[in-house]
Amino acid sequence: KFKLAYGGLLNKTLEILFKKNFKTISQIKFLKIFESRLD
């Protein structure tokens, strides 16, 4: 459902985001990161 909402993101994109800061990420920060990407 998340990939469908954001145009078919790859699993790699999600994994890279979580590996960088998986302990500190919150729901709002998570959405802000994706909403501020150019693509």
Full PDB file with SEQRES, HELIX, SHEET, SSBOND, CRYST1, ORIGX, SCALE, CONECT and MASTER records, all heavy atoms in Angstrom:
SEQRES   1 A   39  LYS PHE LYS LEU ALA TYR GLY GLY LEU LEU ASN LYS THR          
SEQRES   2 A   39  LEU GLU ILE LEU PHE LYS LYS ASN PHE LYS THR ILE SER          
SEQRES   3 A   39  GLN ILE LYS PHE LEU LYS ILE PHE GLU SER ARG LEU ASP          
HELIX    1 AA1 PHE A    2  ALA A    5  1                                   4    
HELIX    2 AA2 ASN A   11  ASN A   21  1                                  11    
HELIX    3 AA3 GLN A   27  GLU A   35  1                                   9    
CRYST1    1.000    1.000    1.000  90.00  90.00  90.00 P 1           1          
ORIGX1      1.000000  0.000000  0.000000        0.00000                         
ORIGX2      0.000000  1.000000  0.000000        0.00000                         
ORIGX3      0.000000  0.000000  1.000000        0.00000                         
SCALE1      1.000000  0.000000  0.000000        0.00000                         
SCALE2      0.000000  1.000000  0.000000        0.00000                         
SCALE3      0.000000  0.000000  1.000000        0.00000                         
ATOM      1  N   LYS A   1       0.824  -1.204   0.000  1.00  0.00           N  
ATOM      2  CA  LYS A   1       0.000   0.000   0.000  1.00  0.00           C  
ATOM      3  C   LYS A   1       0.861   1.259   0.000  1.00  0.00           C  
ATOM      4  O   LYS A   1       0.563   2.228  -0.688  1.00  0.00           O  
ATOM      5  CB  LYS A   1      -0.944  -0.003   1.208  1.00  0.00           C  
ATOM      6  CG  LYS A   1      -2.090  -0.981   1.082  1.00  0.00           C  
ATOM      7  CD  LYS A   1      -3.153  -0.742   2.111  1.00  0.00           C  
ATOM      8  CE  LYS A   1      -2.805  -1.329   3.436  1.00  0.00           C  
ATOM      9  NZ  LYS A   1      -3.874  -1.192   4.440  1.00  0.00           N  
ATOM     10  N   PHE A   2       1.957   1.219   0.760  1.00  0.00           N  
ATOM     11  CA  PHE A   2       2.845   2.379   0.812  1.00  0.00           C  
ATOM     12  C   PHE A   2       3.522   2.606  -0.531  1.00  0.00           C  
ATOM     13  O   PHE A   2       3.623   3.737  -1.014  1.00  0.00           O  
ATOM     14  CB  PHE A   2       3.893   2.180   1.910  1.00  0.00           C  
ATOM     15  CG  PHE A   2       4.767   3.369   2.113  1.00  0.00           C  
ATOM     16  CD1 PHE A   2       4.298   4.458   2.820  1.00  0.00           C  
ATOM     17  CD2 PHE A   2       6.039   3.406   1.593  1.00  0.00           C  
ATOM     18  CE1 PHE A   2       5.091   5.567   3.007  1.00  0.00           C  
ATOM     19  CE2 PHE A   2       6.840   4.510   1.770  1.00  0.00           C  
ATOM     20  CZ  PHE A   2       6.367   5.593   2.479  1.00  0.00           C  
ATOM     21  N   LYS A   3       3.970   1.530  -1.162  1.00  0.00           N  
ATOM     22  CA  LYS A   3       4.605   1.658  -2.471  1.00  0.00           C  
ATOM     23  C   LYS A   3       3.625   2.188  -3.505  1.00  0.00           C  
ATOM     24  O   LYS A   3       3.993   2.982  -4.367  1.00  0.00           O  
ATOM     25  CB  LYS A   3       5.148   0.309  -2.927  1.00  0.00           C  
ATOM     26  CG  LYS A   3       6.376  -0.138  -2.195  1.00  0.00           C  
ATOM     27  CD  LYS A   3       6.772  -1.494  -2.705  1.00  0.00           C  
ATOM     28  CE  LYS A   3       7.901  -2.079  -1.918  1.00  0.00           C  
ATOM     29  NZ  LYS A   3       8.258  -3.414  -2.418  1.00  0.00           N  
ATOM     30  N   LEU A   4       2.383   1.751  -3.434  1.00  0.00           N  
ATOM     31  CA  LEU A   4       1.360   2.228  -4.362  1.00  0.00           C  
ATOM     32  C   LEU A   4       1.115   3.725  -4.172  1.00  0.00           C  
ATOM     33  O   LEU A   4       0.983   4.466  -5.140  1.00  0.00           O  
ATOM     34  CB  LEU A   4       0.064   1.445  -4.158  1.00  0.00           C  
ATOM     35  CG  LEU A   4      -1.092   1.799  -5.071  1.00  0.00           C  
ATOM     36  CD1 LEU A   4      -0.741   1.445  -6.511  1.00  0.00           C  
ATOM     37  CD2 LEU A   4      -2.346   1.070  -4.644  1.00  0.00           C  
ATOM     38  N   ALA A   5       1.088   4.172  -2.933  1.00  0.00           N  
ATOM     39  CA  ALA A   5       0.865   5.591  -2.661  1.00  0.00           C  
ATOM     40  C   ALA A   5       2.019   6.453  -3.150  1.00  0.00           C  
ATOM     41  O   ALA A   5       1.820   7.594  -3.549  1.00  0.00           O  
ATOM     42  CB  ALA A   5       0.660   5.813  -1.160  1.00  0.00           C  
ATOM     43  N   TYR A   6       3.228   5.911  -3.135  1.00  0.00           N  
ATOM     44  CA  TYR A   6       4.399   6.687  -3.532  1.00  0.00           C  
ATOM     45  C   TYR A   6       4.983   6.226  -4.869  1.00  0.00           C  
ATOM     46  O   TYR A   6       6.173   6.334  -5.101  1.00  0.00           O  
ATOM     47  CB  TYR A   6       5.459   6.637  -2.429  1.00  0.00           C  
ATOM     48  CG  TYR A   6       5.097   7.539  -1.288  1.00  0.00           C  
ATOM     49  CD1 TYR A   6       4.582   7.029  -0.122  1.00  0.00           C  
ATOM     50  CD2 TYR A   6       5.242   8.904  -1.404  1.00  0.00           C  
ATOM     51  CE1 TYR A   6       4.225   7.856   0.920  1.00  0.00           C  
ATOM     52  CE2 TYR A   6       4.889   9.745  -0.378  1.00  0.00           C  
ATOM     53  CZ  TYR A   6       4.383   9.219   0.779  1.00  0.00           C  
ATOM     54  OH  TYR A   6       4.013  10.047   1.804  1.00  0.00           O  
ATOM     55  N   GLY A   7       4.167   5.716  -5.724  1.00  0.00           N  
ATOM     56  CA  GLY A   7       4.572   5.468  -7.098  1.00  0.00           C  
ATOM     57  C   GLY A   7       5.457   4.277  -7.343  1.00  0.00           C  
ATOM     58  O   GLY A   7       6.245   4.273  -8.271  1.00  0.00           O  
ATOM     59  N   GLY A   8       5.387   3.256  -6.522  1.00  0.00           N  
ATOM     60  CA  GLY A   8       6.162   2.045  -6.760  1.00  0.00           C  
ATOM     61  C   GLY A   8       7.610   2.147  -6.352  1.00  0.00           C  
ATOM     62  O   GLY A   8       8.509   1.837  -7.130  1.00  0.00           O  
ATOM     63  N   LEU A   9       7.850   2.579  -5.142  1.00  0.00           N  
ATOM     64  CA  LEU A   9       9.224   2.646  -4.635  1.00  0.00           C  
ATOM     65  C   LEU A   9       9.807   1.248  -4.527  1.00  0.00           C  
ATOM     66  O   LEU A   9       9.092   0.277  -4.306  1.00  0.00           O  
ATOM     67  CB  LEU A   9       9.248   3.298  -3.255  1.00  0.00           C  
ATOM     68  CG  LEU A   9       8.977   4.780  -3.212  1.00  0.00           C  
ATOM     69  CD1 LEU A   9       8.862   5.229  -1.760  1.00  0.00           C  
ATOM     70  CD2 LEU A   9      10.080   5.545  -3.882  1.00  0.00           C  
ATOM     71  N   LEU A  10      11.094   1.163  -4.641  1.00  0.00           N  
ATOM     72  CA  LEU A  10      11.771  -0.125  -4.521  1.00  0.00           C  
ATOM     73  C   LEU A  10      11.993  -0.470  -3.059  1.00  0.00           C  
ATOM     74  O   LEU A  10      12.026   0.405  -2.189  1.00  0.00           O  
ATOM     75  CB  LEU A  10      13.123  -0.063  -5.236  1.00  0.00           C  
ATOM     76  CG  LEU A  10      13.088   0.194  -6.729  1.00  0.00           C  
ATOM     77  CD1 LEU A  10      14.498   0.377  -7.255  1.00  0.00           C  
ATOM     78  CD2 LEU A  10      12.393  -0.936  -7.449  1.00  0.00           C  
ATOM     79  N   ASN A  11      12.162  -1.769  -2.784  1.00  0.00           N  
ATOM     80  CA  ASN A  11      12.479  -2.204  -1.420  1.00  0.00           C  
ATOM     81  C   ASN A  11      13.799  -1.619  -0.956  1.00  0.00           C  
ATOM     82  O   ASN A  11      13.975  -1.328   0.218  1.00  0.00           O  
ATOM     83  CB  ASN A  11      12.537  -3.726  -1.347  1.00  0.00           C  
ATOM     84  CG  ASN A  11      11.170  -4.342  -1.297  1.00  0.00           C  
ATOM     85  OD1 ASN A  11      10.207  -3.696  -0.900  1.00  0.00           O  
ATOM     86  ND2 ASN A  11      11.069  -5.586  -1.706  1.00  0.00           N  
ATOM     87  N   LYS A  12      14.740  -1.445  -1.887  1.00  0.00           N  
ATOM     88  CA  LYS A  12      16.046  -0.878  -1.533  1.00  0.00           C  
ATOM     89  C   LYS A  12      15.901   0.509  -0.935  1.00  0.00           C  
ATOM     90  O   LYS A  12      16.595   0.858   0.013  1.00  0.00           O  
ATOM     91  CB  LYS A  12      16.945  -0.793  -2.768  1.00  0.00           C  
ATOM     92  CG  LYS A  12      17.625  -2.056  -3.141  1.00  0.00           C  
ATOM     93  CD  LYS A  12      18.577  -1.784  -4.294  1.00  0.00           C  
ATOM     94  CE  LYS A  12      19.257  -3.050  -4.729  1.00  0.00           C  
ATOM     95  NZ  LYS A  12      20.170  -2.796  -5.845  1.00  0.00           N  
ATOM     96  N   THR A  13      15.015   1.317  -1.496  1.00  0.00           N  
ATOM     97  CA  THR A  13      14.813   2.674  -0.997  1.00  0.00           C  
ATOM     98  C   THR A  13      14.330   2.654   0.444  1.00  0.00           C  
ATOM     99  O   THR A  13      14.834   3.406   1.283  1.00  0.00           O  
ATOM    100  CB  THR A  13      13.791   3.413  -1.881  1.00  0.00           C  
ATOM    101  OG1 THR A  13      14.181   3.291  -3.241  1.00  0.00           O  
ATOM    102  CG2 THR A  13      13.706   4.873  -1.510  1.00  0.00           C  
ATOM    103  N   LEU A  14      13.379   1.790   0.723  1.00  0.00           N  
ATOM    104  CA  LEU A  14      12.874   1.676   2.094  1.00  0.00           C  
ATOM    105  C   LEU A  14      13.951   1.151   3.038  1.00  0.00           C  
ATOM    106  O   LEU A  14      14.124   1.651   4.148  1.00  0.00           O  
ATOM    107  CB  LEU A  14      11.658   0.749   2.137  1.00  0.00           C  
ATOM    108  CG  LEU A  14      10.395   1.271   1.480  1.00  0.00           C  
ATOM    109  CD1 LEU A  14       9.350   0.172   1.432  1.00  0.00           C  
ATOM    110  CD2 LEU A  14       9.865   2.470   2.208  1.00  0.00           C  
ATOM    111  N   GLU A  15      14.698   0.143   2.595  1.00  0.00           N  
ATOM    112  CA  GLU A  15      15.732  -0.446   3.449  1.00  0.00           C  
ATOM    113  C   GLU A  15      16.861   0.535   3.740  1.00  0.00           C  
ATOM    114  O   GLU A  15      17.355   0.603   4.868  1.00  0.00           O  
ATOM    115  CB  GLU A  15      16.292  -1.709   2.792  1.00  0.00           C  
ATOM    116  CG  GLU A  15      15.314  -2.859   2.813  1.00  0.00           C  
ATOM    117  CD  GLU A  15      15.815  -4.070   2.061  1.00  0.00           C  
ATOM    118  OE1 GLU A  15      16.999  -4.092   1.665  1.00  0.00           O  
ATOM    119  OE2 GLU A  15      15.015  -4.996   1.874  1.00  0.00           O  
ATOM    120  N   ILE A  16      17.261   1.319   2.755  1.00  0.00           N  
ATOM    121  CA  ILE A  16      18.332   2.302   2.968  1.00  0.00           C  
ATOM    122  C   ILE A  16      17.901   3.331   3.998  1.00  0.00           C  
ATOM    123  O   ILE A  16      18.669   3.703   4.885  1.00  0.00           O  
ATOM    124  CB  ILE A  16      18.719   2.972   1.631  1.00  0.00           C  
ATOM    125  CG1 ILE A  16      19.468   1.977   0.760  1.00  0.00           C  
ATOM    126  CG2 ILE A  16      19.555   4.221   1.857  1.00  0.00           C  
ATOM    127  CD1 ILE A  16      19.688   2.440  -0.665  1.00  0.00           C  
ATOM    128  N   LEU A  17      16.661   3.777   3.901  1.00  0.00           N  
ATOM    129  CA  LEU A  17      16.159   4.759   4.862  1.00  0.00           C  
ATOM    130  C   LEU A  17      16.176   4.201   6.274  1.00  0.00           C  
ATOM    131  O   LEU A  17      16.631   4.862   7.212  1.00  0.00           O  
ATOM    132  CB  LEU A  17      14.741   5.187   4.493  1.00  0.00           C  
ATOM    133  CG  LEU A  17      14.043   6.044   5.534  1.00  0.00           C  
ATOM    134  CD1 LEU A  17      14.657   7.419   5.583  1.00  0.00           C  
ATOM    135  CD2 LEU A  17      12.578   6.108   5.245  1.00  0.00           C  
ATOM    136  N   PHE A  18      15.706   2.984   6.441  1.00  0.00           N  
ATOM    137  CA  PHE A  18      15.630   2.402   7.783  1.00  0.00           C  
ATOM    138  C   PHE A  18      16.992   2.027   8.332  1.00  0.00           C  
ATOM    139  O   PHE A  18      17.215   2.115   9.530  1.00  0.00           O  
ATOM    140  CB  PHE A  18      14.715   1.187   7.785  1.00  0.00           C  
ATOM    141  CG  PHE A  18      13.275   1.556   7.761  1.00  0.00           C  
ATOM    142  CD1 PHE A  18      12.521   1.334   6.635  1.00  0.00           C  
ATOM    143  CD2 PHE A  18      12.681   2.139   8.854  1.00  0.00           C  
ATOM    144  CE1 PHE A  18      11.192   1.677   6.602  1.00  0.00           C  
ATOM    145  CE2 PHE A  18      11.348   2.488   8.829  1.00  0.00           C  
ATOM    146  CZ  PHE A  18      10.609   2.261   7.702  1.00  0.00           C  
ATOM    147  N   LYS A  19      17.898   1.598   7.492  1.00  0.00           N  
ATOM    148  CA  LYS A  19      19.223   1.223   7.982  1.00  0.00           C  
ATOM    149  C   LYS A  19      19.989   2.427   8.498  1.00  0.00           C  
ATOM    150  O   LYS A  19      20.790   2.309   9.414  1.00  0.00           O  
ATOM    151  CB  LYS A  19      20.026   0.519   6.888  1.00  0.00           C  
ATOM    152  CG  LYS A  19      19.599  -0.916   6.698  1.00  0.00           C  
ATOM    153  CD  LYS A  19      20.445  -1.606   5.658  1.00  0.00           C  
ATOM    154  CE  LYS A  19      19.958  -3.034   5.460  1.00  0.00           C  
ATOM    155  NZ  LYS A  19      20.725  -3.737   4.449  1.00  0.00           N  
ATOM    156  N   LYS A  20      19.741   3.602   7.908  1.00  0.00           N  
ATOM    157  CA  LYS A  20      20.448   4.801   8.351  1.00  0.00           C  
ATOM    158  C   LYS A  20      20.048   5.189   9.770  1.00  0.00           C  
ATOM    159  O   LYS A  20      20.883   5.491  10.598  1.00  0.00           O  
ATOM    160  CB  LYS A  20      20.166   5.971   7.399  1.00  0.00           C  
ATOM    161  CG  LYS A  20      20.929   5.876   6.112  1.00  0.00           C  
ATOM    162  CD  LYS A  20      20.650   7.082   5.257  1.00  0.00           C  
ATOM    163  CE  LYS A  20      21.387   6.973   3.935  1.00  0.00           C  
ATOM    164  NZ  LYS A  20      21.066   8.091   3.045  1.00  0.00           N  
ATOM    165  N   ASN A  21      18.767   5.215  10.038  1.00  0.00           N  
ATOM    166  CA  ASN A  21      18.305   5.651  11.355  1.00  0.00           C  
ATOM    167  C   ASN A  21      17.011   4.942  11.748  1.00  0.00           C  
ATOM    168  O   ASN A  21      15.982   5.561  11.866  1.00  0.00           O  
ATOM    169  CB  ASN A  21      18.105   7.167  11.379  1.00  0.00           C  
ATOM    170  CG  ASN A  21      17.287   7.662  10.219  1.00  0.00           C  
ATOM    171  OD1 ASN A  21      16.799   6.878   9.422  1.00  0.00           O  
ATOM    172  ND2 ASN A  21      17.117   8.944  10.119  1.00  0.00           N  
ATOM    173  N   PHE A  22      17.089   3.639  11.934  1.00  0.00           N  
ATOM    174  CA  PHE A  22      15.871   2.888  12.233  1.00  0.00           C  
ATOM    175  C   PHE A  22      15.403   3.050  13.674  1.00  0.00           C  
ATOM    176  O   PHE A  22      14.256   2.813  13.979  1.00  0.00           O  
ATOM    177  CB  PHE A  22      16.037   1.398  11.895  1.00  0.00           C  
ATOM    178  CG  PHE A  22      16.927   0.642  12.837  1.00  0.00           C  
ATOM    179  CD1 PHE A  22      16.389  -0.026  13.909  1.00  0.00           C  
ATOM    180  CD2 PHE A  22      18.293   0.603  12.640  1.00  0.00           C  
ATOM    181  CE1 PHE A  22      17.200  -0.726  14.771  1.00  0.00           C  
ATOM    182  CE2 PHE A  22      19.103  -0.095  13.487  1.00  0.00           C  
ATOM    183  CZ  PHE A  22      18.567  -0.756  14.568  1.00  0.00           C  
ATOM    184  N   LYS A  23      16.280   3.467  14.590  1.00  0.00           N  
ATOM    185  CA  LYS A  23      15.867   3.609  15.988  1.00  0.00           C  
ATOM    186  C   LYS A  23      15.150   4.924  16.235  1.00  0.00           C  
ATOM    187  O   LYS A  23      14.241   5.005  17.041  1.00  0.00           O  
ATOM    188  CB  LYS A  23      17.083   3.520  16.905  1.00  0.00           C  
ATOM    189  CG  LYS A  23      17.688   2.145  16.985  1.00  0.00           C  
ATOM    190  CD  LYS A  23      18.867   2.132  17.915  1.00  0.00           C  
ATOM    191  CE  LYS A  23      19.498   0.753  17.942  1.00  0.00           C  
ATOM    192  NZ  LYS A  23      20.710   0.711  18.746  1.00  0.00           N  
ATOM    193  N   THR A  24      15.571   5.981  15.557  1.00  0.00           N  
ATOM    194  CA  THR A  24      15.062   7.314  15.870  1.00  0.00           C  
ATOM    195  C   THR A  24      13.940   7.781  14.957  1.00  0.00           C  
ATOM    196  O   THR A  24      13.383   8.841  15.196  1.00  0.00           O  
ATOM    197  CB  THR A  24      16.209   8.340  15.759  1.00  0.00           C  
ATOM    198  OG1 THR A  24      16.717   8.306  14.419  1.00  0.00           O  
ATOM    199  CG2 THR A  24      17.308   8.030  16.747  1.00  0.00           C  
ATOM    200  N   ILE A  25      13.612   7.022  13.935  1.00  0.00           N  
ATOM    201  CA  ILE A  25      12.623   7.506  12.975  1.00  0.00           C  
ATOM    202  C   ILE A  25      11.210   7.417  13.548  1.00  0.00           C  
ATOM    203  O   ILE A  25      10.832   6.443  14.167  1.00  0.00           O  
ATOM    204  CB  ILE A  25      12.743   6.747  11.639  1.00  0.00           C  
ATOM    205  CG1 ILE A  25      12.071   7.514  10.537  1.00  0.00           C  
ATOM    206  CG2 ILE A  25      12.209   5.348  11.743  1.00  0.00           C  
ATOM    207  CD1 ILE A  25      12.510   7.098   9.171  1.00  0.00           C  
ATOM    208  N   SER A  26      10.450   8.497  13.371  1.00  0.00           N  
ATOM    209  CA  SER A  26       9.059   8.530  13.821  1.00  0.00           C  
ATOM    210  C   SER A  26       8.157   8.567  12.594  1.00  0.00           C  
ATOM    211  O   SER A  26       8.623   8.711  11.467  1.00  0.00           O  
ATOM    212  CB  SER A  26       8.811   9.757  14.691  1.00  0.00           C  
ATOM    213  OG  SER A  26       8.942  10.925  13.912  1.00  0.00           O  
ATOM    214  N   GLN A  27       6.873   8.469  12.838  1.00  0.00           N  
ATOM    215  CA  GLN A  27       5.919   8.423  11.741  1.00  0.00           C  
ATOM    216  C   GLN A  27       5.935   9.726  10.943  1.00  0.00           C  
ATOM    217  O   GLN A  27       5.938   9.711   9.718  1.00  0.00           O  
ATOM    218  CB  GLN A  27       4.527   8.155  12.305  1.00  0.00           C  
ATOM    219  CG  GLN A  27       3.455   7.986  11.268  1.00  0.00           C  
ATOM    220  CD  GLN A  27       2.138   7.620  11.874  1.00  0.00           C  
ATOM    221  OE1 GLN A  27       2.036   7.352  13.055  1.00  0.00           O  
ATOM    222  NE2 GLN A  27       1.110   7.625  11.074  1.00  0.00           N  
ATOM    223  N   ILE A  28       5.993  10.845  11.614  1.00  0.00           N  
ATOM    224  CA  ILE A  28       5.964  12.136  10.935  1.00  0.00           C  
ATOM    225  C   ILE A  28       7.270  12.377  10.187  1.00  0.00           C  
ATOM    226  O   ILE A  28       7.275  12.837   9.045  1.00  0.00           O  
ATOM    227  CB  ILE A  28       5.663  13.259  11.945  1.00  0.00           C  
ATOM    228  CG1 ILE A  28       4.237  13.082  12.446  1.00  0.00           C  
ATOM    229  CG2 ILE A  28       5.871  14.617  11.333  1.00  0.00           C  
ATOM    230  CD1 ILE A  28       3.833  13.973  13.559  1.00  0.00           C  
ATOM    231  N   LYS A  29       8.399  12.036  10.813  1.00  0.00           N  
ATOM    232  CA  LYS A  29       9.692  12.196  10.148  1.00  0.00           C  
ATOM    233  C   LYS A  29       9.773  11.304   8.919  1.00  0.00           C  
ATOM    234  O   LYS A  29      10.300  11.698   7.879  1.00  0.00           O  
ATOM    235  CB  LYS A  29      10.822  11.865  11.120  1.00  0.00           C  
ATOM    236  CG  LYS A  29      12.197  12.099  10.571  1.00  0.00           C  
ATOM    237  CD  LYS A  29      13.261  11.783  11.603  1.00  0.00           C  
ATOM    238  CE  LYS A  29      14.644  11.924  11.000  1.00  0.00           C  
ATOM    239  NZ  LYS A  29      15.683  11.505  11.937  1.00  0.00           N  
ATOM    240  N   PHE A  30       9.237  10.105   9.021  1.00  0.00           N  
ATOM    241  CA  PHE A  30       9.200   9.162   7.918  1.00  0.00           C  
ATOM    242  C   PHE A  30       8.454   9.748   6.723  1.00  0.00           C  
ATOM    243  O   PHE A  30       8.935   9.717   5.592  1.00  0.00           O  
ATOM    244  CB  PHE A  30       8.536   7.879   8.415  1.00  0.00           C  
ATOM    245  CG  PHE A  30       8.423   6.795   7.391  1.00  0.00           C  
ATOM    246  CD1 PHE A  30       9.533   6.073   7.014  1.00  0.00           C  
ATOM    247  CD2 PHE A  30       7.206   6.478   6.832  1.00  0.00           C  
ATOM    248  CE1 PHE A  30       9.437   5.057   6.090  1.00  0.00           C  
ATOM    249  CE2 PHE A  30       7.099   5.463   5.910  1.00  0.00           C  
ATOM    250  CZ  PHE A  30       8.216   4.757   5.540  1.00  0.00           C  
ATOM    251  N   LEU A  31       7.279  10.328   6.978  1.00  0.00           N  
ATOM    252  CA  LEU A  31       6.499  10.929   5.897  1.00  0.00           C  
ATOM    253  C   LEU A  31       7.178  12.169   5.333  1.00  0.00           C  
ATOM    254  O   LEU A  31       7.153  12.404   4.130  1.00  0.00           O  
ATOM    255  CB  LEU A  31       5.101  11.283   6.389  1.00  0.00           C  
ATOM    256  CG  LEU A  31       4.156  10.111   6.554  1.00  0.00           C  
ATOM    257  CD1 LEU A  31       2.848  10.565   7.138  1.00  0.00           C  
ATOM    258  CD2 LEU A  31       3.936   9.419   5.231  1.00  0.00           C  
ATOM    259  N   LYS A  32       7.817  12.964   6.209  1.00  0.00           N  
ATOM    260  CA  LYS A  32       8.500  14.174   5.734  1.00  0.00           C  
ATOM    261  C   LYS A  32       9.648  13.834   4.806  1.00  0.00           C  
ATOM    262  O   LYS A  32       9.883  14.537   3.823  1.00  0.00           O  
ATOM    263  CB  LYS A  32       9.017  14.985   6.924  1.00  0.00           C  
ATOM    264  CG  LYS A  32       7.939  15.770   7.625  1.00  0.00           C  
ATOM    265  CD  LYS A  32       8.536  16.608   8.726  1.00  0.00           C  
ATOM    266  CE  LYS A  32       7.470  17.413   9.432  1.00  0.00           C  
ATOM    267  NZ  LYS A  32       8.024  18.251  10.486  1.00  0.00           N  
ATOM    268  N   ILE A  33      10.364  12.767   5.093  1.00  0.00           N  
ATOM    269  CA  ILE A  33      11.476  12.356   4.232  1.00  0.00           C  
ATOM    270  C   ILE A  33      10.962  12.002   2.839  1.00  0.00           C  
ATOM    271  O   ILE A  33      11.514  12.439   1.832  1.00  0.00           O  
ATOM    272  CB  ILE A  33      12.238  11.170   4.859  1.00  0.00           C  
ATOM    273  CG1 ILE A  33      13.016  11.646   6.082  1.00  0.00           C  
ATOM    274  CG2 ILE A  33      13.179  10.529   3.848  1.00  0.00           C  
ATOM    275  CD1 ILE A  33      13.609  10.526   6.901  1.00  0.00           C  
ATOM    276  N   PHE A  34       9.903  11.252   2.779  1.00  0.00           N  
ATOM    277  CA  PHE A  34       9.394  10.851   1.465  1.00  0.00           C  
ATOM    278  C   PHE A  34       8.700  11.997   0.742  1.00  0.00           C  
ATOM    279  O   PHE A  34       8.802  12.102  -0.477  1.00  0.00           O  
ATOM    280  CB  PHE A  34       8.452   9.650   1.597  1.00  0.00           C  
ATOM    281  CG  PHE A  34       9.196   8.370   1.673  1.00  0.00           C  
ATOM    282  CD1 PHE A  34       9.473   7.796   2.888  1.00  0.00           C  
ATOM    283  CD2 PHE A  34       9.648   7.753   0.538  1.00  0.00           C  
ATOM    284  CE1 PHE A  34      10.189   6.623   2.963  1.00  0.00           C  
ATOM    285  CE2 PHE A  34      10.358   6.580   0.596  1.00  0.00           C  
ATOM    286  CZ  PHE A  34      10.631   6.017   1.805  1.00  0.00           C  
ATOM    287  N   GLU A  35       7.984  12.833   1.456  1.00  0.00           N  
ATOM    288  CA  GLU A  35       7.280  13.929   0.803  1.00  0.00           C  
ATOM    289  C   GLU A  35       8.228  15.003   0.294  1.00  0.00           C  
ATOM    290  O   GLU A  35       7.860  15.781  -0.575  1.00  0.00           O  
ATOM    291  CB  GLU A  35       6.265  14.561   1.772  1.00  0.00           C  
ATOM    292  CG  GLU A  35       5.077  13.691   2.068  1.00  0.00           C  
ATOM    293  CD  GLU A  35       4.131  13.542   0.895  1.00  0.00           C  
ATOM    294  OE1 GLU A  35       4.019  14.460   0.075  1.00  0.00           O  
ATOM    295  OE2 GLU A  35       3.504  12.478   0.796  1.00  0.00           O  
ATOM    296  N   SER A  36       9.441  15.069   0.810  1.00  0.00           N  
ATOM    297  CA  SER A  36      10.375  16.099   0.366  1.00  0.00           C  
ATOM    298  C   SER A  36      11.334  15.611  -0.721  1.00  0.00           C  
ATOM    299  O   SER A  36      12.174  16.380  -1.166  1.00  0.00           O  
ATOM    300  CB  SER A  36      11.160  16.641   1.555  1.00  0.00           C  
ATOM    301  OG  SER A  36      11.911  15.624   2.148  1.00  0.00           O  
ATOM    302  N   ARG A  37      11.214  14.386  -1.160  1.00  0.00           N  
ATOM    303  CA  ARG A  37      12.044  13.900  -2.271  1.00  0.00           C  
ATOM    304  C   ARG A  37      11.541  14.489  -3.583  1.00  0.00           C  
ATOM    305  O   ARG A  37      10.345  14.689  -3.776  1.00  0.00           O  
ATOM    306  CB  ARG A  37      11.991  12.380  -2.362  1.00  0.00           C  
ATOM    307  CG  ARG A  37      12.790  11.655  -1.309  1.00  0.00           C  
ATOM    308  CD  ARG A  37      12.571  10.170  -1.412  1.00  0.00           C  
ATOM    309  NE  ARG A  37      12.847   9.662  -2.742  1.00  0.00           N  
ATOM    310  CZ  ARG A  37      13.815   8.794  -3.020  1.00  0.00           C  
ATOM    311  NH1 ARG A  37      14.591   8.353  -2.059  1.00  0.00           N  
ATOM    312  NH2 ARG A  37      13.988   8.363  -4.242  1.00  0.00           N  
ATOM    313  N   LEU A  38      12.461  14.764  -4.507  1.00  0.00           N  
ATOM    314  CA  LEU A  38      12.094  15.388  -5.782  1.00  0.00           C  
ATOM    315  C   LEU A  38      11.209  14.489  -6.625  1.00  0.00           C  
ATOM    316  O   LEU A  38      10.175  14.932  -7.138  1.00  0.00           O  
ATOM    317  CB  LEU A  38      13.367  15.767  -6.557  1.00  0.00           C  
ATOM    318  CG  LEU A  38      13.154  16.409  -7.919  1.00  0.00           C  
ATOM    319  CD1 LEU A  38      12.416  17.729  -7.781  1.00  0.00           C  
ATOM    320  CD2 LEU A  38      14.480  16.612  -8.618  1.00  0.00           C  
ATOM    321  N   ASP A  39      11.554  13.217  -6.753  1.00  0.00           N  
ATOM    322  CA  ASP A  39      10.765  12.328  -7.600  1.00  0.00           C  
ATOM    323  C   ASP A  39       9.356  12.114  -7.050  1.00  0.00           C  
ATOM    324  O   ASP A  39       8.381  12.108  -7.793  1.00  0.00           O  
ATOM    325  CB  ASP A  39      11.478  11.000  -7.827  1.00  0.00           C  
ATOM    326  CG  ASP A  39      11.840  10.268  -6.555  1.00  0.00           C  
ATOM    327  OD1 ASP A  39      11.775  10.880  -5.471  1.00  0.00           O  
ATOM    328  OD2 ASP A  39      12.214   9.086  -6.640  1.00  0.00           O  
TER     329      ASP A  39                                                      
MASTER        0    0    0    3    0    0    0    6  328    1    0    3          
END                                                                             
